[in-house]
Amino acid sequence: MTRVLLTGFAPFDGETVNPSWQAVRAAAAEPPAGIEVSAVELPCVYGASVAVLRAAIEEARPEIVVCVGQAGGRPDITVERVAINVDDARIPDSSGAEPIDEPIVPGGPAAYFATLPVKACVAAVRAAGLPASVSNTAGTFVCNHVFYGLAHLLATELPGVRGGFVHVPYVPEQVTDRSQPSLPAAAVTRALQEIMVAAAHTCTDARLAGGALH
């Protein structure tokens, strides 16, 4: 039995739902065979989000951590390749904080790569009939903050644990009054289930094209 911790975010920026938490909660309620899932909702707040994540890891003692966040405007499930050591907020977080060009971990590495099999996860989602791609930027908002915080924690304190970050699109109820791509919550849940299975059963990533021209 592989222990997996999933995290999603509370709503932010005026939204009443966050598809990341909707999907995480549903995926934890219906875990794939052979996988034991814990789930926690993170606040969309610099600093506090990583503190909640750390506490959840200490409690669940997972072998794999998959953090999930909303990427409004993206059309597909995007598995993140890299986290960078900078907070640079275009909008305030849910506490009103708006850091600009601040390191997440002073003196820490410029970046960390995910230790999940990123391309195998993308391939698994696509094989389930859902759109997915590799992403080479997790932004500089709280999602990247959590991804970098997770990666630093795993690299410095829990090297046997693997982890990464997945961005998901809006759900349809969020875009009824605007022209933005969306995916149903059930589709996002299925994608996370496929990602957990791929992560649990793949140690060496698939050698597939996943780069970008810009």
C-alpha atoms as a PDB file:
ATOM      1  CA  MET A   1       0.000   0.000   0.000  1.00  0.00           C
ATOM      2  CA  THR A   2       1.485   3.336  -1.101  1.00  0.00           C
ATOM      3  CA  ARG A   3       0.720   6.301   1.144  1.00  0.00           C
ATOM      4  CA  VAL A   4      -0.094   9.484  -0.781  1.00  0.00           C
ATOM      5  CA  LEU A   5      -0.811  12.951   0.562  1.00  0.00           C
ATOM      6  CA  LEU A   6      -2.900  15.192  -1.699  1.00  0.00           C
ATOM      7  CA  THR A   7      -3.295  18.900  -1.040  1.00  0.00           C
ATOM      8  CA  GLY A   8      -5.633  21.457  -2.599  1.00  0.00           C
ATOM      9  CA  PHE A   9      -6.262  25.130  -1.946  1.00  0.00           C
ATOM     10  CA  ALA A  10      -9.104  27.081  -0.412  1.00  0.00           C
ATOM     11  CA  PRO A  11     -10.876  29.538  -2.764  1.00  0.00           C
ATOM     12  CA  PHE A  12      -9.066  32.827  -3.401  1.00  0.00           C
ATOM     13  CA  ASP A  13      -9.352  36.080  -5.339  1.00  0.00           C
ATOM     14  CA  GLY A  14     -13.116  36.313  -4.889  1.00  0.00           C
ATOM     15  CA  GLU A  15     -13.937  32.772  -6.045  1.00  0.00           C
ATOM     16  CA  THR A  16     -16.402  30.677  -4.037  1.00  0.00           C
ATOM     17  CA  VAL A  17     -14.840  27.341  -5.002  1.00  0.00           C
ATOM     18  CA  ASN A  18     -11.387  26.059  -5.804  1.00  0.00           C
ATOM     19  CA  PRO A  19     -11.320  23.116  -8.217  1.00  0.00           C
ATOM     20  CA  SER A  20      -8.059  21.865  -6.742  1.00  0.00           C
ATOM     21  CA  TRP A  21      -9.686  21.140  -3.377  1.00  0.00           C
ATOM     22  CA  GLN A  22     -12.868  19.824  -4.994  1.00  0.00           C
ATOM     23  CA  ALA A  23     -10.853  17.268  -6.953  1.00  0.00           C
ATOM     24  CA  VAL A  24      -8.469  16.396  -4.125  1.00  0.00           C
ATOM     25  CA  ARG A  25     -11.319  15.745  -1.710  1.00  0.00           C
ATOM     26  CA  ALA A  26     -13.111  13.546  -4.256  1.00  0.00           C
ATOM     27  CA  ALA A  27      -9.950  11.642  -5.194  1.00  0.00           C
ATOM     28  CA  ALA A  28      -9.218  10.940  -1.535  1.00  0.00           C
ATOM     29  CA  ALA A  29     -12.744   9.583  -1.098  1.00  0.00           C
ATOM     30  CA  GLU A  30     -12.213   7.143  -3.991  1.00  0.00           C
ATOM     31  CA  PRO A  31      -8.543   6.155  -3.912  1.00  0.00           C
ATOM     32  CA  PRO A  32      -7.130   3.846  -6.571  1.00  0.00           C
ATOM     33  CA  ALA A  33      -6.429   0.255  -5.570  1.00  0.00           C
ATOM     34  CA  GLY A  34      -3.250  -0.113  -3.571  1.00  0.00           C
ATOM     35  CA  ILE A  35      -3.076   3.544  -2.583  1.00  0.00           C
ATOM     36  CA  GLU A  36      -3.924   5.053   0.800  1.00  0.00           C
ATOM     37  CA  VAL A  37      -4.767   8.734   0.448  1.00  0.00           C
ATOM     38  CA  SER A  38      -4.787  11.576   2.950  1.00  0.00           C
ATOM     39  CA  ALA A  39      -6.022  15.031   1.925  1.00  0.00           C
ATOM     40  CA  VAL A  40      -5.615  18.504   3.344  1.00  0.00           C
ATOM     41  CA  GLU A  41      -6.835  21.939   2.258  1.00  0.00           C
ATOM     42  CA  LEU A  42      -4.168  24.643   2.275  1.00  0.00           C
ATOM     43  CA  PRO A  43      -4.858  28.345   2.763  1.00  0.00           C
ATOM     44  CA  CYS A  44      -3.946  30.526  -0.201  1.00  0.00           C
ATOM     45  CA  VAL A  45      -1.480  32.382   1.988  1.00  0.00           C
ATOM     46  CA  TYR A  46       2.284  32.706   1.705  1.00  0.00           C
ATOM     47  CA  GLY A  47       4.049  31.051   4.630  1.00  0.00           C
ATOM     48  CA  ALA A  48       0.949  29.605   6.305  1.00  0.00           C
ATOM     49  CA  SER A  49       0.335  27.258   3.376  1.00  0.00           C
ATOM     50  CA  VAL A  50       3.739  25.621   3.785  1.00  0.00           C
ATOM     51  CA  ALA A  51       3.264  25.383   7.548  1.00  0.00           C
ATOM     52  CA  VAL A  52      -0.017  23.498   7.052  1.00  0.00           C
ATOM     53  CA  LEU A  53       1.649  21.301   4.443  1.00  0.00           C
ATOM     54  CA  ARG A  54       4.515  20.444   6.795  1.00  0.00           C
ATOM     55  CA  ALA A  55       2.093  19.502   9.578  1.00  0.00           C
ATOM     56  CA  ALA A  56       0.108  17.306   7.198  1.00  0.00           C
ATOM     57  CA  ILE A  57       3.261  15.499   6.069  1.00  0.00           C
ATOM     58  CA  GLU A  58       4.301  14.908   9.663  1.00  0.00           C
ATOM     59  CA  GLU A  59       0.879  13.441  10.441  1.00  0.00           C
ATOM     60  CA  ALA A  60       0.305  11.363   7.296  1.00  0.00           C
ATOM     61  CA  ARG A  61       3.934  10.227   6.772  1.00  0.00           C
ATOM     62  CA  PRO A  62       3.385   9.792   3.028  1.00  0.00           C
ATOM     63  CA  GLU A  63       5.676   8.244   0.473  1.00  0.00           C
ATOM     64  CA  ILE A  64       4.372  10.585  -2.244  1.00  0.00           C
ATOM     65  CA  VAL A  65       3.033  14.145  -1.995  1.00  0.00           C
ATOM     66  CA  VAL A  66       0.998  15.683  -4.810  1.00  0.00           C
ATOM     67  CA  CYS A  67       0.057  19.319  -4.278  1.00  0.00           C
ATOM     68  CA  VAL A  68      -2.688  20.663  -6.542  1.00  0.00           C
ATOM     69  CA  GLY A  69      -3.672  24.218  -7.412  1.00  0.00           C
ATOM     70  CA  GLN A  70      -5.962  26.192  -9.702  1.00  0.00           C
ATOM     71  CA  ALA A  71      -4.510  27.681 -12.883  1.00  0.00           C
ATOM     72  CA  GLY A  72      -7.378  29.686 -14.297  1.00  0.00           C
ATOM     73  CA  GLY A  73      -6.987  30.090 -18.055  1.00  0.00           C
ATOM     74  CA  ARG A  74      -5.115  26.862 -18.668  1.00  0.00           C
ATOM     75  CA  PRO A  75      -7.122  24.369 -20.752  1.00  0.00           C
ATOM     76  CA  ASP A  76      -5.659  21.127 -19.428  1.00  0.00           C
ATOM     77  CA  ILE A  77      -4.151  19.263 -16.500  1.00  0.00           C
ATOM     78  CA  THR A  78      -0.569  20.491 -16.219  1.00  0.00           C
ATOM     79  CA  VAL A  79       2.061  18.577 -14.277  1.00  0.00           C
ATOM     80  CA  GLU A  80       4.739  20.988 -13.115  1.00  0.00           C
ATOM     81  CA  ARG A  81       8.397  20.296 -13.844  1.00  0.00           C
ATOM     82  CA  VAL A  82      10.140  22.981 -11.744  1.00  0.00           C
ATOM     83  CA  ALA A  83       9.640  25.284  -8.738  1.00  0.00           C
ATOM     84  CA  ILE A  84      11.628  28.517  -8.413  1.00  0.00           C
ATOM     85  CA  ASN A  85      12.803  30.300  -5.284  1.00  0.00           C
ATOM     86  CA  VAL A  86      10.853  33.542  -5.589  1.00  0.00           C
ATOM     87  CA  ASP A  87       7.572  35.026  -4.395  1.00  0.00           C
ATOM     88  CA  ASP A  88       6.345  37.758  -6.734  1.00  0.00           C
ATOM     89  CA  ALA A  89       2.644  38.434  -6.275  1.00  0.00           C
ATOM     90  CA  ARG A  90       0.539  40.008  -9.016  1.00  0.00           C
ATOM     91  CA  ILE A  91      -2.455  39.924  -6.640  1.00  0.00           C
ATOM     92  CA  PRO A  92      -2.581  39.739  -2.820  1.00  0.00           C
ATOM     93  CA  ASP A  93      -2.888  36.346  -1.171  1.00  0.00           C
ATOM     94  CA  SER A  94      -5.900  35.636   1.031  1.00  0.00           C
ATOM     95  CA  SER A  95      -4.284  37.416   3.974  1.00  0.00           C
ATOM     96  CA  GLY A  96      -3.544  40.536   1.932  1.00  0.00           C
ATOM     97  CA  ALA A  97       0.184  39.841   1.604  1.00  0.00           C
ATOM     98  CA  GLU A  98       1.752  40.833  -1.712  1.00  0.00           C
ATOM     99  CA  PRO A  99       5.493  40.039  -1.656  1.00  0.00           C
ATOM    100  CA  ILE A 100       7.617  41.215  -4.537  1.00  0.00           C
ATOM    101  CA  ASP A 101      10.872  39.505  -5.546  1.00  0.00           C
ATOM    102  CA  GLU A 102      11.328  37.800  -2.173  1.00  0.00           C
ATOM    103  CA  PRO A 103      13.051  34.421  -1.801  1.00  0.00           C
ATOM    104  CA  ILE A 104      10.919  31.612  -0.466  1.00  0.00           C
ATOM    105  CA  VAL A 105      13.945  30.130   1.304  1.00  0.00           C
ATOM    106  CA  PRO A 106      16.739  32.696   1.759  1.00  0.00           C
ATOM    107  CA  GLY A 107      19.954  31.106   0.533  1.00  0.00           C
ATOM    108  CA  GLY A 108      18.089  28.140  -0.942  1.00  0.00           C
ATOM    109  CA  PRO A 109      18.691  26.765  -4.441  1.00  0.00           C
ATOM    110  CA  ALA A 110      17.345  28.825  -7.329  1.00  0.00           C
ATOM    111  CA  ALA A 111      15.046  25.966  -8.301  1.00  0.00           C
ATOM    112  CA  TYR A 112      14.028  22.379  -7.667  1.00  0.00           C
ATOM    113  CA  PHE A 113      12.761  19.810 -10.139  1.00  0.00           C
ATOM    114  CA  ALA A 114       9.741  17.719  -9.203  1.00  0.00           C
ATOM    115  CA  THR A 115      10.655  14.238  -8.010  1.00  0.00           C
ATOM    116  CA  LEU A 116       7.494  12.744  -9.482  1.00  0.00           C
ATOM    117  CA  PRO A 117       7.649  11.065 -12.916  1.00  0.00           C
ATOM    118  CA  VAL A 118       6.241  14.153 -14.614  1.00  0.00           C
ATOM    119  CA  LYS A 119       5.977  12.805 -18.159  1.00  0.00           C
ATOM    120  CA  ALA A 120       4.621   9.427 -17.076  1.00  0.00           C
ATOM    121  CA  CYS A 121       1.914  11.260 -15.132  1.00  0.00           C
ATOM    122  CA  VAL A 122       1.004  13.308 -18.208  1.00  0.00           C
ATOM    123  CA  ALA A 123       0.904  10.165 -20.348  1.00  0.00           C
ATOM    124  CA  ALA A 124      -1.373   8.432 -17.829  1.00  0.00           C
ATOM    125  CA  VAL A 125      -3.860  11.305 -17.854  1.00  0.00           C
ATOM    126  CA  ARG A 126      -3.874  11.391 -21.646  1.00  0.00           C
ATOM    127  CA  ALA A 127      -4.396   7.605 -21.774  1.00  0.00           C
ATOM    128  CA  ALA A 128      -7.534   8.150 -19.677  1.00  0.00           C
ATOM    129  CA  GLY A 129      -8.866  10.423 -22.428  1.00  0.00           C
ATOM    130  CA  LEU A 130      -8.188  13.714 -20.656  1.00  0.00           C
ATOM    131  CA  PRO A 131      -6.040  16.661 -21.799  1.00  0.00           C
ATOM    132  CA  ALA A 132      -2.684  17.021 -20.070  1.00  0.00           C
ATOM    133  CA  SER A 133       0.760  18.486 -20.621  1.00  0.00           C
ATOM    134  CA  VAL A 134       4.063  19.231 -18.927  1.00  0.00           C
ATOM    135  CA  SER A 135       4.312  22.750 -17.521  1.00  0.00           C
ATOM    136  CA  ASN A 136       7.648  24.501 -17.135  1.00  0.00           C
ATOM    137  CA  THR A 137       6.386  27.279 -14.884  1.00  0.00           C
ATOM    138  CA  ALA A 138       4.283  27.103 -11.754  1.00  0.00           C
ATOM    139  CA  GLY A 139       4.054  30.892 -11.634  1.00  0.00           C
ATOM    140  CA  THR A 140       5.234  32.997  -8.699  1.00  0.00           C
ATOM    141  CA  PHE A 141       2.087  32.994  -6.577  1.00  0.00           C
ATOM    142  CA  VAL A 142       1.185  30.676  -3.683  1.00  0.00           C
ATOM    143  CA  CYS A 143       1.169  27.545  -5.876  1.00  0.00           C
ATOM    144  CA  ASN A 144       4.859  27.935  -6.692  1.00  0.00           C
ATOM    145  CA  HIS A 145       5.476  28.914  -3.060  1.00  0.00           C
ATOM    146  CA  VAL A 146       4.007  25.599  -1.893  1.00  0.00           C
ATOM    147  CA  PHE A 147       5.752  23.600  -4.623  1.00  0.00           C
ATOM    148  CA  TYR A 148       9.140  25.081  -3.739  1.00  0.00           C
ATOM    149  CA  GLY A 149       8.452  24.723  -0.009  1.00  0.00           C
ATOM    150  CA  LEU A 150       7.566  21.067  -0.528  1.00  0.00           C
ATOM    151  CA  ALA A 151      10.620  20.400  -2.673  1.00  0.00           C
ATOM    152  CA  HIS A 152      12.943  22.070  -0.178  1.00  0.00           C
ATOM    153  CA  LEU A 153      11.447  20.095   2.692  1.00  0.00           C
ATOM    154  CA  LEU A 154      11.845  16.810   0.818  1.00  0.00           C
ATOM    155  CA  ALA A 155      15.400  17.623  -0.290  1.00  0.00           C
ATOM    156  CA  THR A 156      16.623  18.712   3.130  1.00  0.00           C
ATOM    157  CA  GLU A 157      14.607  16.640   5.597  1.00  0.00           C
ATOM    158  CA  LEU A 158      12.736  13.835   3.837  1.00  0.00           C
ATOM    159  CA  PRO A 159      14.843  12.653   0.894  1.00  0.00           C
ATOM    160  CA  GLY A 160      13.016   9.317   0.656  1.00  0.00           C
ATOM    161  CA  VAL A 161       9.695  11.021  -0.082  1.00  0.00           C
ATOM    162  CA  ARG A 162       8.804  12.037  -3.646  1.00  0.00           C
ATOM    163  CA  GLY A 163       6.625  14.990  -4.543  1.00  0.00           C
ATOM    164  CA  GLY A 164       5.433  17.513  -7.067  1.00  0.00           C
ATOM    165  CA  PHE A 165       2.692  19.864  -8.148  1.00  0.00           C
ATOM    166  CA  VAL A 166      -0.261  19.699 -10.536  1.00  0.00           C
ATOM    167  CA  HIS A 167      -2.225  22.676 -11.858  1.00  0.00           C
ATOM    168  CA  VAL A 168      -5.856  22.245 -12.892  1.00  0.00           C
ATOM    169  CA  PRO A 169      -8.225  24.458 -14.918  1.00  0.00           C
ATOM    170  CA  TYR A 170     -11.360  26.203 -13.770  1.00  0.00           C
ATOM    171  CA  VAL A 171     -14.491  24.091 -13.347  1.00  0.00           C
ATOM    172  CA  PRO A 172     -17.486  25.088 -15.525  1.00  0.00           C
ATOM    173  CA  GLU A 173     -19.398  26.861 -12.748  1.00  0.00           C
ATOM    174  CA  GLN A 174     -16.533  29.342 -12.420  1.00  0.00           C
ATOM    175  CA  VAL A 175     -16.696  30.519 -16.031  1.00  0.00           C
ATOM    176  CA  THR A 176     -20.389  30.947 -16.799  1.00  0.00           C
ATOM    177  CA  ASP A 177     -19.862  34.696 -17.215  1.00  0.00           C
ATOM    178  CA  ARG A 178     -16.477  34.689 -18.980  1.00  0.00           C
ATOM    179  CA  SER A 179     -14.802  33.025 -21.909  1.00  0.00           C
ATOM    180  CA  GLN A 180     -12.266  30.743 -20.221  1.00  0.00           C
ATOM    181  CA  PRO A 181     -11.481  27.041 -20.622  1.00  0.00           C
ATOM    182  CA  SER A 182     -12.718  24.626 -17.977  1.00  0.00           C
ATOM    183  CA  LEU A 183     -12.933  20.942 -17.082  1.00  0.00           C
ATOM    184  CA  PRO A 184     -15.635  19.225 -15.007  1.00  0.00           C
ATOM    185  CA  ALA A 185     -14.624  18.403 -11.433  1.00  0.00           C
ATOM    186  CA  ALA A 186     -15.132  14.684 -12.112  1.00  0.00           C
ATOM    187  CA  ALA A 187     -12.584  14.835 -14.947  1.00  0.00           C
ATOM    188  CA  VAL A 188     -10.040  16.554 -12.728  1.00  0.00           C
ATOM    189  CA  THR A 189     -10.636  13.941 -10.036  1.00  0.00           C
ATOM    190  CA  ARG A 190     -10.028  11.155 -12.547  1.00  0.00           C
ATOM    191  CA  ALA A 191      -6.815  12.849 -13.653  1.00  0.00           C
ATOM    192  CA  LEU A 192      -5.527  12.955 -10.078  1.00  0.00           C
ATOM    193  CA  GLN A 193      -6.339   9.281  -9.621  1.00  0.00           C
ATOM    194  CA  GLU A 194      -4.329   8.460 -12.733  1.00  0.00           C
ATOM    195  CA  ILE A 195      -1.445  10.646 -11.565  1.00  0.00           C
ATOM    196  CA  MET A 196      -1.325   8.879  -8.201  1.00  0.00           C
ATOM    197  CA  VAL A 197      -1.162   5.477  -9.877  1.00  0.00           C
ATOM    198  CA  ALA A 198       1.559   6.604 -12.278  1.00  0.00           C
ATOM    199  CA  ALA A 199       3.584   8.150  -9.465  1.00  0.00           C
ATOM    200  CA  ALA A 200       3.243   5.065  -7.278  1.00  0.00           C
ATOM    201  CA  HIS A 201       4.338   2.651 -10.005  1.00  0.00           C
ATOM    202  CA  THR A 202       6.948   4.677 -11.913  1.00  0.00           C
ATOM    203  CA  CYS A 203      10.379   5.451 -10.539  1.00  0.00           C
ATOM    204  CA  THR A 204      12.138   6.217 -13.849  1.00  0.00           C
ATOM    205  CA  ASP A 205      10.212   8.759 -15.890  1.00  0.00           C
ATOM    206  CA  ALA A 206       8.994   8.099 -19.428  1.00  0.00           C
ATOM    207  CA  ARG A 207      11.191   9.506 -22.204  1.00  0.00           C
ATOM    208  CA  LEU A 208       8.588  11.548 -24.059  1.00  0.00           C
ATOM    209  CA  ALA A 209       8.688  14.999 -25.647  1.00  0.00           C
ATOM    210  CA  GLY A 210       7.333  17.561 -23.233  1.00  0.00           C
ATOM    211  CA  GLY A 211       9.289  20.705 -23.919  1.00  0.00           C
ATOM    212  CA  ALA A 212       8.101  24.129 -25.004  1.00  0.00           C
ATOM    213  CA  LEU A 213       9.248  26.646 -27.603  1.00  0.00           C
ATOM    214  CA  HIS A 214       8.354  29.633 -25.416  1.00  0.00           C
END
